[in-house]
Amino acid sequence: MNVRAPSGLALKAKLFRGLSDPSRLALIEALRDGEKTVSQLVEATGLSQPNASAHLACLRDCGIVEKRQAGRYAFYALADDQVEALLCAAEELLARIGAQIFACTRYRQEG
């Protein structure tokens, strides 16, 4: 099967769509300080175990998180230092324009 890679712009949009899901973003945020088990991620995020596992599988398939098996435990971590760098860049940008983004009426408010 020949799957054509999306253009640079479409690929960026796909990345940001994946990061825009509040559950996936909560999992990524929880992993910023190091690897965690699914149980630890459930506790940190308030997600149900099946929901967290499904989102972790998505994030793993996309290369955003990685999984390390240790006996019967699976540990998840950010797969690339650039994920942390992207989150830091987003925080810096939000420090400057967060009020405008919050006030934006073009996007539905989540959470």
PDB file of N, CA and C in Angstrom:
ATOM      1  N   MET A   1       0.844  -1.171   0.000  1.00  0.00           N
ATOM      2  CA  MET A   1       0.000   0.000   0.000  1.00  0.00           C
ATOM      3  C   MET A   1       0.894   1.241   0.000  1.00  0.00           C
ATOM      4  N   ASN A   2       0.651   2.138  -0.891  1.00  0.00           N
ATOM      5  CA  ASN A   2       1.436   3.355  -1.016  1.00  0.00           C
ATOM      6  C   ASN A   2       0.661   4.512  -0.386  1.00  0.00           C
ATOM      7  N   VAL A   3       1.131   4.983   0.753  1.00  0.00           N
ATOM      8  CA  VAL A   3       0.488   6.095   1.438  1.00  0.00           C
ATOM      9  C   VAL A   3       1.330   7.334   1.212  1.00  0.00           C
ATOM     10  N   ARG A   4       0.706   8.343   0.633  1.00  0.00           N
ATOM     11  CA  ARG A   4       1.420   9.579   0.345  1.00  0.00           C
ATOM     12  C   ARG A   4       1.477  10.453   1.591  1.00  0.00           C
ATOM     13  N   ALA A   5       2.665  10.922   1.919  1.00  0.00           N
ATOM     14  CA  ALA A   5       2.847  11.789   3.081  1.00  0.00           C
ATOM     15  C   ALA A   5       2.185  13.141   2.810  1.00  0.00           C
ATOM     16  N   PRO A   6       1.527  13.699   3.827  1.00  0.00           N
ATOM     17  CA  PRO A   6       0.916  15.015   3.640  1.00  0.00           C
ATOM     18  C   PRO A   6       1.987  16.089   3.474  1.00  0.00           C
ATOM     19  N   SER A   7       1.596  17.196   2.888  1.00  0.00           N
ATOM     20  CA  SER A   7       2.522  18.315   2.714  1.00  0.00           C
ATOM     21  C   SER A   7       2.950  18.840   4.071  1.00  0.00           C
ATOM     22  N   GLY A   8       3.976  19.679   4.087  1.00  0.00           N
ATOM     23  CA  GLY A   8       4.468  20.257   5.340  1.00  0.00           C
ATOM     24  C   GLY A   8       3.375  20.949   6.135  1.00  0.00           C
ATOM     25  N   LEU A   9       2.543  21.718   5.465  1.00  0.00           N
ATOM     26  CA  LEU A   9       1.475  22.443   6.145  1.00  0.00           C
ATOM     27  C   LEU A   9       0.434  21.471   6.697  1.00  0.00           C
ATOM     28  N   ALA A  10       0.047  20.492   5.904  1.00  0.00           N
ATOM     29  CA  ALA A  10      -0.940  19.508   6.366  1.00  0.00           C
ATOM     30  C   ALA A  10      -0.389  18.681   7.518  1.00  0.00           C
ATOM     31  N   LEU A  11       0.889  18.376   7.469  1.00  0.00           N
ATOM     32  CA  LEU A  11       1.510  17.599   8.539  1.00  0.00           C
ATOM     33  C   LEU A  11       1.556  18.398   9.848  1.00  0.00           C
ATOM     34  N   LYS A  12       1.871  19.691   9.734  1.00  0.00           N
ATOM     35  CA  LYS A  12       1.852  20.554  10.923  1.00  0.00           C
ATOM     36  C   LYS A  12       0.440  20.634  11.494  1.00  0.00           C
ATOM     37  N   ALA A  13      -0.540  20.782  10.635  1.00  0.00           N
ATOM     38  CA  ALA A  13      -1.929  20.854  11.092  1.00  0.00           C
ATOM     39  C   ALA A  13      -2.320  19.565  11.803  1.00  0.00           C
ATOM     40  N   LYS A  14      -1.870  18.432  11.286  1.00  0.00           N
ATOM     41  CA  LYS A  14      -2.176  17.146  11.913  1.00  0.00           C
ATOM     42  C   LYS A  14      -1.522  17.058  13.296  1.00  0.00           C
ATOM     43  N   LEU A  15      -0.287  17.526  13.430  1.00  0.00           N
ATOM     44  CA  LEU A  15       0.389  17.554  14.726  1.00  0.00           C
ATOM     45  C   LEU A  15      -0.403  18.385  15.722  1.00  0.00           C
ATOM     46  N   PHE A  16      -0.775  19.593  15.332  1.00  0.00           N
ATOM     47  CA  PHE A  16      -1.488  20.479  16.250  1.00  0.00           C
ATOM     48  C   PHE A  16      -2.902  19.983  16.547  1.00  0.00           C
ATOM     49  N   ARG A  17      -3.544  19.311  15.594  1.00  0.00           N
ATOM     50  CA  ARG A  17      -4.842  18.689  15.878  1.00  0.00           C
ATOM     51  C   ARG A  17      -4.684  17.632  16.966  1.00  0.00           C
ATOM     52  N   GLY A  18      -3.632  16.840  16.874  1.00  0.00           N
ATOM     53  CA  GLY A  18      -3.381  15.823  17.892  1.00  0.00           C
ATOM     54  C   GLY A  18      -3.117  16.424  19.255  1.00  0.00           C
ATOM     55  N   LEU A  19      -2.396  17.520  19.283  1.00  0.00           N
ATOM     56  CA  LEU A  19      -2.079  18.181  20.550  1.00  0.00           C
ATOM     57  C   LEU A  19      -3.255  18.982  21.097  1.00  0.00           C
ATOM     58  N   SER A  20      -4.247  19.269  20.256  1.00  0.00           N
ATOM     59  CA  SER A  20      -5.361  20.104  20.701  1.00  0.00           C
ATOM     60  C   SER A  20      -6.386  19.347  21.530  1.00  0.00           C
ATOM     61  N   ASP A  21      -6.320  18.028  21.545  1.00  0.00           N
ATOM     62  CA  ASP A  21      -7.260  17.260  22.352  1.00  0.00           C
ATOM     63  C   ASP A  21      -6.894  17.430  23.825  1.00  0.00           C
ATOM     64  N   PRO A  22      -7.835  17.893  24.668  1.00  0.00           N
ATOM     65  CA  PRO A  22      -7.514  18.136  26.076  1.00  0.00           C
ATOM     66  C   PRO A  22      -7.001  16.896  26.814  1.00  0.00           C
ATOM     67  N   SER A  23      -7.519  15.726  26.505  1.00  0.00           N
ATOM     68  CA  SER A  23      -7.055  14.511  27.191  1.00  0.00           C
ATOM     69  C   SER A  23      -5.621  14.181  26.800  1.00  0.00           C
ATOM     70  N   ARG A  24      -5.318  14.260  25.509  1.00  0.00           N
ATOM     71  CA  ARG A  24      -3.942  13.978  25.075  1.00  0.00           C
ATOM     72  C   ARG A  24      -2.981  15.023  25.623  1.00  0.00           C
ATOM     73  N   LEU A  25      -3.401  16.275  25.622  1.00  0.00           N
ATOM     74  CA  LEU A  25      -2.539  17.335  26.149  1.00  0.00           C
ATOM     75  C   LEU A  25      -2.309  17.143  27.655  1.00  0.00           C
ATOM     76  N   ALA A  26      -3.329  16.714  28.384  1.00  0.00           N
ATOM     77  CA  ALA A  26      -3.168  16.455  29.819  1.00  0.00           C
ATOM     78  C   ALA A  26      -2.153  15.342  30.054  1.00  0.00           C
ATOM     79  N   LEU A  27      -2.192  14.299  29.235  1.00  0.00           N
ATOM     80  CA  LEU A  27      -1.219  13.215  29.365  1.00  0.00           C
ATOM     81  C   LEU A  27       0.191  13.699  29.065  1.00  0.00           C
ATOM     82  N   ILE A  28       0.331  14.489  28.015  1.00  0.00           N
ATOM     83  CA  ILE A  28       1.644  15.028  27.648  1.00  0.00           C
ATOM     84  C   ILE A  28       2.175  15.919  28.770  1.00  0.00           C
ATOM     85  N   GLU A  29       1.313  16.774  29.309  1.00  0.00           N
ATOM     86  CA  GLU A  29       1.724  17.647  30.420  1.00  0.00           C
ATOM     87  C   GLU A  29       2.180  16.814  31.614  1.00  0.00           C
ATOM     88  N   ALA A  30       1.450  15.740  31.909  1.00  0.00           N
ATOM     89  CA  ALA A  30       1.805  14.898  33.057  1.00  0.00           C
ATOM     90  C   ALA A  30       3.143  14.195  32.869  1.00  0.00           C
ATOM     91  N   LEU A  31       3.554  14.023  31.615  1.00  0.00           N
ATOM     92  CA  LEU A  31       4.821  13.347  31.322  1.00  0.00           C
ATOM     93  C   LEU A  31       6.015  14.300  31.276  1.00  0.00           C
ATOM     94  N   ARG A  32       5.769  15.564  31.436  1.00  0.00           N
ATOM     95  CA  ARG A  32       6.851  16.538  31.327  1.00  0.00           C
ATOM     96  C   ARG A  32       7.928  16.346  32.379  1.00  0.00           C
ATOM     97  N   ASP A  33       7.550  15.829  33.543  1.00  0.00           N
ATOM     98  CA  ASP A  33       8.550  15.660  34.608  1.00  0.00           C
ATOM     99  C   ASP A  33       9.076  14.235  34.697  1.00  0.00           C
ATOM    100  N   GLY A  34       8.843  13.449  33.668  1.00  0.00           N
ATOM    101  CA  GLY A  34       9.425  12.112  33.624  1.00  0.00           C
ATOM    102  C   GLY A  34       8.411  11.028  33.351  1.00  0.00           C
ATOM    103  N   GLU A  35       8.936   9.826  33.157  1.00  0.00           N
ATOM    104  CA  GLU A  35       8.070   8.715  32.777  1.00  0.00           C
ATOM    105  C   GLU A  35       7.131   8.314  33.906  1.00  0.00           C
ATOM    106  N   LYS A  36       5.985   7.780  33.483  1.00  0.00           N
ATOM    107  CA  LYS A  36       4.960   7.364  34.431  1.00  0.00           C
ATOM    108  C   LYS A  36       4.244   6.132  33.888  1.00  0.00           C
ATOM    109  N   THR A  37       3.656   5.364  34.824  1.00  0.00           N
ATOM    110  CA  THR A  37       2.807   4.243  34.430  1.00  0.00           C
ATOM    111  C   THR A  37       1.426   4.783  34.076  1.00  0.00           C
ATOM    112  N   VAL A  38       0.612   3.928  33.465  1.00  0.00           N
ATOM    113  CA  VAL A  38      -0.754   4.325  33.145  1.00  0.00           C
ATOM    114  C   VAL A  38      -1.497   4.693  34.429  1.00  0.00           C
ATOM    115  N   SER A  39      -1.313   3.925  35.478  1.00  0.00           N
ATOM    116  CA  SER A  39      -1.987   4.224  36.755  1.00  0.00           C
ATOM    117  C   SER A  39      -1.601   5.608  37.271  1.00  0.00           C
ATOM    118  N   GLN A  40      -0.329   5.944  37.183  1.00  0.00           N
ATOM    119  CA  GLN A  40       0.120   7.272  37.618  1.00  0.00           C
ATOM    120  C   GLN A  40      -0.473   8.366  36.734  1.00  0.00           C
ATOM    121  N   LEU A  41      -0.575   8.091  35.438  1.00  0.00           N
ATOM    122  CA  LEU A  41      -1.153   9.070  34.519  1.00  0.00           C
ATOM    123  C   LEU A  41      -2.648   9.245  34.762  1.00  0.00           C
ATOM    124  N   VAL A  42      -3.326   8.163  35.066  1.00  0.00           N
ATOM    125  CA  VAL A  42      -4.753   8.237  35.400  1.00  0.00           C
ATOM    126  C   VAL A  42      -4.944   9.104  36.634  1.00  0.00           C
ATOM    127  N   GLU A  43      -4.123   8.883  37.642  1.00  0.00           N
ATOM    128  CA  GLU A  43      -4.204   9.681  38.866  1.00  0.00           C
ATOM    129  C   GLU A  43      -3.887  11.149  38.599  1.00  0.00           C
ATOM    130  N   ALA A  44      -2.883  11.406  37.778  1.00  0.00           N
ATOM    131  CA  ALA A  44      -2.465  12.785  37.507  1.00  0.00           C
ATOM    132  C   ALA A  44      -3.473  13.552  36.652  1.00  0.00           C
ATOM    133  N   THR A  45      -4.180  12.854  35.765  1.00  0.00           N
ATOM    134  CA  THR A  45      -5.054  13.537  34.812  1.00  0.00           C
ATOM    135  C   THR A  45      -6.535  13.434  35.132  1.00  0.00           C
ATOM    136  N   GLY A  46      -6.910  12.431  35.916  1.00  0.00           N
ATOM    137  CA  GLY A  46      -8.329  12.216  36.181  1.00  0.00           C
ATOM    138  C   GLY A  46      -9.049  11.475  35.069  1.00  0.00           C
ATOM    139  N   LEU A  47      -8.314  11.035  34.058  1.00  0.00           N
ATOM    140  CA  LEU A  47      -8.912  10.259  32.977  1.00  0.00           C
ATOM    141  C   LEU A  47      -9.183   8.837  33.457  1.00  0.00           C
ATOM    142  N   SER A  48     -10.113   8.166  32.821  1.00  0.00           N
ATOM    143  CA  SER A  48     -10.314   6.755  33.128  1.00  0.00           C
ATOM    144  C   SER A  48      -9.150   5.963  32.525  1.00  0.00           C
ATOM    145  N   GLN A  49      -8.916   4.779  33.054  1.00  0.00           N
ATOM    146  CA  GLN A  49      -7.813   3.964  32.539  1.00  0.00           C
ATOM    147  C   GLN A  49      -8.001   3.622  31.056  1.00  0.00           C
ATOM    148  N   PRO A  50      -9.200   3.184  30.622  1.00  0.00           N
ATOM    149  CA  PRO A  50      -9.356   2.890  29.197  1.00  0.00           C
ATOM    150  C   PRO A  50      -9.152   4.120  28.302  1.00  0.00           C
ATOM    151  N   ASN A  51      -9.649   5.274  28.762  1.00  0.00           N
ATOM    152  CA  ASN A  51      -9.496   6.512  27.998  1.00  0.00           C
ATOM    153  C   ASN A  51      -8.027   6.904  27.905  1.00  0.00           C
ATOM    154  N   ALA A  52      -7.325   6.863  29.032  1.00  0.00           N
ATOM    155  CA  ALA A  52      -5.897   7.203  29.041  1.00  0.00           C
ATOM    156  C   ALA A  52      -5.122   6.252  28.137  1.00  0.00           C
ATOM    157  N   SER A  53      -5.411   4.966  28.227  1.00  0.00           N
ATOM    158  CA  SER A  53      -4.699   3.977  27.401  1.00  0.00           C
ATOM    159  C   SER A  53      -4.930   4.219  25.918  1.00  0.00           C
ATOM    160  N   ALA A  54      -6.162   4.542  25.546  1.00  0.00           N
ATOM    161  CA  ALA A  54      -6.462   4.808  24.133  1.00  0.00           C
ATOM    162  C   ALA A  54      -5.705   6.033  23.632  1.00  0.00           C
ATOM    163  N   HIS A  55      -5.685   7.089  24.439  1.00  0.00           N
ATOM    164  CA  HIS A  55      -4.959   8.303  24.027  1.00  0.00           C
ATOM    165  C   HIS A  55      -3.446   8.065  24.007  1.00  0.00           C
ATOM    166  N   LEU A  56      -2.937   7.291  24.948  1.00  0.00           N
ATOM    167  CA  LEU A  56      -1.505   6.969  24.944  1.00  0.00           C
ATOM    168  C   LEU A  56      -1.130   6.166  23.708  1.00  0.00           C
ATOM    169  N   ALA A  57      -1.993   5.252  23.290  1.00  0.00           N
ATOM    170  CA  ALA A  57      -1.727   4.483  22.071  1.00  0.00           C
ATOM    171  C   ALA A  57      -1.658   5.412  20.860  1.00  0.00           C
ATOM    172  N   CYS A  58      -2.556   6.377  20.815  1.00  0.00           N
ATOM    173  CA  CYS A  58      -2.547   7.365  19.723  1.00  0.00           C
ATOM    174  C   CYS A  58      -1.252   8.168  19.748  1.00  0.00           C
ATOM    175  N   LEU A  59      -0.887   8.662  20.928  1.00  0.00           N
ATOM    176  CA  LEU A  59       0.336   9.459  21.052  1.00  0.00           C
ATOM    177  C   LEU A  59       1.580   8.635  20.730  1.00  0.00           C
ATOM    178  N   ARG A  60       1.552   7.376  21.073  1.00  0.00           N
ATOM    179  CA  ARG A  60       2.681   6.492  20.756  1.00  0.00           C
ATOM    180  C   ARG A  60       2.759   6.224  19.256  1.00  0.00           C
ATOM    181  N   ASP A  61       1.619   5.961  18.638  1.00  0.00           N
ATOM    182  CA  ASP A  61       1.595   5.724  17.190  1.00  0.00           C
ATOM    183  C   ASP A  61       2.131   6.930  16.424  1.00  0.00           C
ATOM    184  N   CYS A  62       1.893   8.112  16.963  1.00  0.00           N
ATOM    185  CA  CYS A  62       2.344   9.348  16.305  1.00  0.00           C
ATOM    186  C   CYS A  62       3.773   9.725  16.663  1.00  0.00           C
ATOM    187  N   GLY A  63       4.400   8.987  17.574  1.00  0.00           N
ATOM    188  CA  GLY A  63       5.785   9.273  17.928  1.00  0.00           C
ATOM    189  C   GLY A  63       5.966  10.363  18.955  1.00  0.00           C
ATOM    190  N   ILE A  64       4.886  10.750  19.636  1.00  0.00           N
ATOM    191  CA  ILE A  64       4.980  11.814  20.631  1.00  0.00           C
ATOM    192  C   ILE A  64       5.392  11.257  21.988  1.00  0.00           C
ATOM    193  N   VAL A  65       4.917  10.057  22.319  1.00  0.00           N
ATOM    194  CA  VAL A  65       5.358   9.393  23.538  1.00  0.00           C
ATOM    195  C   VAL A  65       5.948   8.034  23.175  1.00  0.00           C
ATOM    196  N   GLU A  66       6.718   7.497  24.094  1.00  0.00           N
ATOM    197  CA  GLU A  66       7.271   6.159  23.915  1.00  0.00           C
ATOM    198  C   GLU A  66       6.934   5.324  25.133  1.00  0.00           C
ATOM    199  N   LYS A  67       6.921   4.022  24.929  1.00  0.00           N
ATOM    200  CA  LYS A  67       6.551   3.082  25.982  1.00  0.00           C
ATOM    201  C   LYS A  67       7.723   2.167  26.264  1.00  0.00           C
ATOM    202  N   ARG A  68       7.992   1.969  27.561  1.00  0.00           N
ATOM    203  CA  ARG A  68       9.031   1.046  28.003  1.00  0.00           C
ATOM    204  C   ARG A  68       8.380   0.007  28.894  1.00  0.00           C
ATOM    205  N   GLN A  69       8.514  -1.242  28.522  1.00  0.00           N
ATOM    206  CA  GLN A  69       7.938  -2.334  29.305  1.00  0.00           C
ATOM    207  C   GLN A  69       8.945  -2.797  30.352  1.00  0.00           C
ATOM    208  N   ALA A  70       8.497  -2.929  31.596  1.00  0.00           N
ATOM    209  CA  ALA A  70       9.340  -3.437  32.691  1.00  0.00           C
ATOM    210  C   ALA A  70       8.480  -4.432  33.471  1.00  0.00           C
ATOM    211  N   GLY A  71       8.635  -5.697  33.152  1.00  0.00           N
ATOM    212  CA  GLY A  71       7.786  -6.703  33.767  1.00  0.00           C
ATOM    213  C   GLY A  71       6.351  -6.493  33.340  1.00  0.00           C
ATOM    214  N   ARG A  72       5.462  -6.415  34.305  1.00  0.00           N
ATOM    215  CA  ARG A  72       4.051  -6.220  33.956  1.00  0.00           C
ATOM    216  C   ARG A  72       3.657  -4.748  33.873  1.00  0.00           C
ATOM    217  N   TYR A  73       4.620  -3.871  34.077  1.00  0.00           N
ATOM    218  CA  TYR A  73       4.342  -2.442  34.034  1.00  0.00           C
ATOM    219  C   TYR A  73       4.838  -1.827  32.731  1.00  0.00           C
ATOM    220  N   ALA A  74       4.044  -0.906  32.211  1.00  0.00           N
ATOM    221  CA  ALA A  74       4.437  -0.125  31.042  1.00  0.00           C
ATOM    222  C   ALA A  74       4.671   1.309  31.516  1.00  0.00           C
ATOM    223  N   PHE A  75       5.814   1.844  31.162  1.00  0.00           N
ATOM    224  CA  PHE A  75       6.158   3.219  31.514  1.00  0.00           C
ATOM    225  C   PHE A  75       6.130   4.066  30.249  1.00  0.00           C
ATOM    226  N   TYR A  76       5.492   5.213  30.345  1.00  0.00           N
ATOM    227  CA  TYR A  76       5.395   6.137  29.220  1.00  0.00           C
ATOM    228  C   TYR A  76       6.245   7.366  29.501  1.00  0.00           C
ATOM    229  N   ALA A  77       6.819   7.910  28.428  1.00  0.00           N
ATOM    230  CA  ALA A  77       7.633   9.118  28.524  1.00  0.00           C
ATOM    231  C   ALA A  77       7.505   9.895  27.221  1.00  0.00           C
ATOM    232  N   LEU A  78       7.845  11.161  27.260  1.00  0.00           N
ATOM    233  CA  LEU A  78       7.907  11.940  26.020  1.00  0.00           C
ATOM    234  C   LEU A  78       8.989  11.332  25.138  1.00  0.00           C
ATOM    235  N   ALA A  79       8.697  11.177  23.873  1.00  0.00           N
ATOM    236  CA  ALA A  79       9.604  10.474  22.971  1.00  0.00           C
ATOM    237  C   ALA A  79      10.738  11.347  22.454  1.00  0.00           C
ATOM    238  N   ASP A  80      10.581  12.650  22.561  1.00  0.00           N
ATOM    239  CA  ASP A  80      11.567  13.547  21.969  1.00  0.00           C
ATOM    240  C   ASP A  80      11.646  14.818  22.801  1.00  0.00           C
ATOM    241  N   ASP A  81      12.847  15.314  23.024  1.00  0.00           N
ATOM    242  CA  ASP A  81      13.021  16.552  23.790  1.00  0.00           C
ATOM    243  C   ASP A  81      12.310  17.736  23.137  1.00  0.00           C
ATOM    244  N   GLN A  82      12.079  17.670  21.854  1.00  0.00           N
ATOM    245  CA  GLN A  82      11.424  18.770  21.164  1.00  0.00           C
ATOM    246  C   GLN A  82       9.952  18.912  21.558  1.00  0.00           C
ATOM    247  N   VAL A  83       9.348  17.835  22.085  1.00  0.00           N
ATOM    248  CA  VAL A  83       7.979  17.958  22.590  1.00  0.00           C
ATOM    249  C   VAL A  83       7.984  18.926  23.774  1.00  0.00           C
ATOM    250  N   GLU A  84       8.925  18.756  24.680  1.00  0.00           N
ATOM    251  CA  GLU A  84       9.058  19.678  25.814  1.00  0.00           C
ATOM    252  C   GLU A  84       9.363  21.090  25.315  1.00  0.00           C
ATOM    253  N   ALA A  85      10.224  21.208  24.339  1.00  0.00           N
ATOM    254  CA  ALA A  85      10.563  22.524  23.787  1.00  0.00           C
ATOM    255  C   ALA A  85       9.330  23.193  23.168  1.00  0.00           C
ATOM    256  N   LEU A  86       8.505  22.407  22.492  1.00  0.00           N
ATOM    257  CA  LEU A  86       7.281  22.943  21.893  1.00  0.00           C
ATOM    258  C   LEU A  86       6.325  23.442  22.978  1.00  0.00           C
ATOM    259  N   LEU A  87       6.192  22.683  24.055  1.00  0.00           N
ATOM    260  CA  LEU A  87       5.327  23.106  25.159  1.00  0.00           C
ATOM    261  C   LEU A  87       5.860  24.379  25.813  1.00  0.00           C
ATOM    262  N   CYS A  88       7.165  24.466  25.979  1.00  0.00           N
ATOM    263  CA  CYS A  88       7.771  25.684  26.549  1.00  0.00           C
ATOM    264  C   CYS A  88       7.542  26.882  25.631  1.00  0.00           C
ATOM    265  N   ALA A  89       7.697  26.672  24.330  1.00  0.00           N
ATOM    266  CA  ALA A  89       7.462  27.754  23.368  1.00  0.00           C
ATOM    267  C   ALA A  89       6.005  28.205  23.416  1.00  0.00           C
ATOM    268  N   ALA A  90       5.078  27.250  23.556  1.00  0.00           N
ATOM    269  CA  ALA A  90       3.659  27.593  23.659  1.00  0.00           C
ATOM    270  C   ALA A  90       3.398  28.418  24.917  1.00  0.00           C
ATOM    271  N   GLU A  91       4.024  28.043  26.020  1.00  0.00           N
ATOM    272  CA  GLU A  91       3.853  28.791  27.265  1.00  0.00           C
ATOM    273  C   GLU A  91       4.409  30.202  27.141  1.00  0.00           C
ATOM    274  N   GLU A  92       5.537  30.356  26.488  1.00  0.00           N
ATOM    275  CA  GLU A  92       6.114  31.690  26.280  1.00  0.00           C
ATOM    276  C   GLU A  92       5.202  32.544  25.404  1.00  0.00           C
ATOM    277  N   LEU A  93       4.668  31.946  24.360  1.00  0.00           N
ATOM    278  CA  LEU A  93       3.757  32.674  23.474  1.00  0.00           C
ATOM    279  C   LEU A  93       2.483  33.056  24.224  1.00  0.00           C
ATOM    280  N   LEU A  94       1.947  32.123  25.005  1.00  0.00           N
ATOM    281  CA  LEU A  94       0.732  32.409  25.767  1.00  0.00           C
ATOM    282  C   LEU A  94       0.950  33.483  26.822  1.00  0.00           C
ATOM    283  N   ALA A  95       2.152  33.582  27.346  1.00  0.00           N
ATOM    284  CA  ALA A  95       2.457  34.642  28.303  1.00  0.00           C
ATOM    285  C   ALA A  95       2.307  36.008  27.640  1.00  0.00           C
ATOM    286  N   ARG A  96       2.555  36.052  26.343  1.00  0.00           N
ATOM    287  CA  ARG A  96       2.464  37.320  25.609  1.00  0.00           C
ATOM    288  C   ARG A  96       1.069  37.562  25.037  1.00  0.00           C
ATOM    289  N   ILE A  97       0.442  36.536  24.500  1.00  0.00           N
ATOM    290  CA  ILE A  97      -0.830  36.758  23.799  1.00  0.00           C
ATOM    291  C   ILE A  97      -1.981  35.914  24.354  1.00  0.00           C
ATOM    292  N   GLY A  98      -1.801  35.342  25.524  1.00  0.00           N
ATOM    293  CA  GLY A  98      -2.820  34.476  26.104  1.00  0.00           C
ATOM    294  C   GLY A  98      -4.166  35.152  26.303  1.00  0.00           C
ATOM    295  N   ALA A  99      -4.156  36.412  26.705  1.00  0.00           N
ATOM    296  CA  ALA A  99      -5.422  37.127  26.925  1.00  0.00           C
ATOM    297  C   ALA A  99      -6.200  37.248  25.623  1.00  0.00           C
ATOM    298  N   GLN A 100      -5.497  37.492  24.524  1.00  0.00           N
ATOM    299  CA  GLN A 100      -6.170  37.595  23.226  1.00  0.00           C
ATOM    300  C   GLN A 100      -6.726  36.243  22.791  1.00  0.00           C
ATOM    301  N   ILE A 101      -5.969  35.201  23.020  1.00  0.00           N
ATOM    302  CA  ILE A 101      -6.445  33.871  22.659  1.00  0.00           C
ATOM    303  C   ILE A 101      -7.655  33.511  23.505  1.00  0.00           C
ATOM    304  N   PHE A 102      -7.603  33.808  24.799  1.00  0.00           N
ATOM    305  CA  PHE A 102      -8.732  33.537  25.685  1.00  0.00           C
ATOM    306  C   PHE A 102      -9.982  34.280  25.210  1.00  0.00           C
ATOM    307  N   ALA A 103      -9.811  35.516  24.758  1.00  0.00           N
ATOM    308  CA  ALA A 103     -10.936  36.347  24.335  1.00  0.00           C
ATOM    309  C   ALA A 103     -11.434  36.022  22.926  1.00  0.00           C
ATOM    310  N   CYS A 104     -10.692  35.232  22.181  1.00  0.00           N
ATOM    311  CA  CYS A 104     -11.055  34.916  20.801  1.00  0.00           C
ATOM    312  C   CYS A 104     -12.404  34.202  20.766  1.00  0.00           C
ATOM    313  N   THR A 105     -13.313  34.725  19.970  1.00  0.00           N
ATOM    314  CA  THR A 105     -14.662  34.134  19.866  1.00  0.00           C
ATOM    315  C   THR A 105     -14.793  33.192  18.673  1.00  0.00           C
ATOM    316  N   ARG A 106     -13.755  33.022  17.925  1.00  0.00           N
ATOM    317  CA  ARG A 106     -13.821  32.171  16.739  1.00  0.00           C
ATOM    318  C   ARG A 106     -13.668  30.682  17.058  1.00  0.00           C
ATOM    319  N   TYR A 107     -13.147  30.379  18.223  1.00  0.00           N
ATOM    320  CA  TYR A 107     -12.999  28.986  18.630  1.00  0.00           C
ATOM    321  C   TYR A 107     -13.823  28.746  19.863  1.00  0.00           C
ATOM    322  N   ARG A 108     -14.421  27.578  19.916  1.00  0.00           N
ATOM    323  CA  ARG A 108     -15.223  27.175  21.063  1.00  0.00           C
ATOM    324  C   ARG A 108     -14.317  27.012  22.280  1.00  0.00           C
ATOM    325  N   GLN A 109     -14.758  27.517  23.414  1.00  0.00           N
ATOM    326  CA  GLN A 109     -14.012  27.384  24.668  1.00  0.00           C
ATOM    327  C   GLN A 109     -14.126  25.954  25.157  1.00  0.00           C
ATOM    328  N   GLU A 110     -13.004  25.310  25.481  1.00  0.00           N
ATOM    329  CA  GLU A 110     -13.005  23.947  26.000  1.00  0.00           C
ATOM    330  C   GLU A 110     -12.555  23.982  27.441  1.00  0.00           C
ATOM    331  N   GLY A 111     -13.132  23.086  28.235  1.00  0.00           N
ATOM    332  CA  GLY A 111     -12.704  22.968  29.642  1.00  0.00           C
ATOM    333  C   GLY A 111     -13.093  24.131  30.397  1.00  0.00           C
TER     334      GLY A 111
END
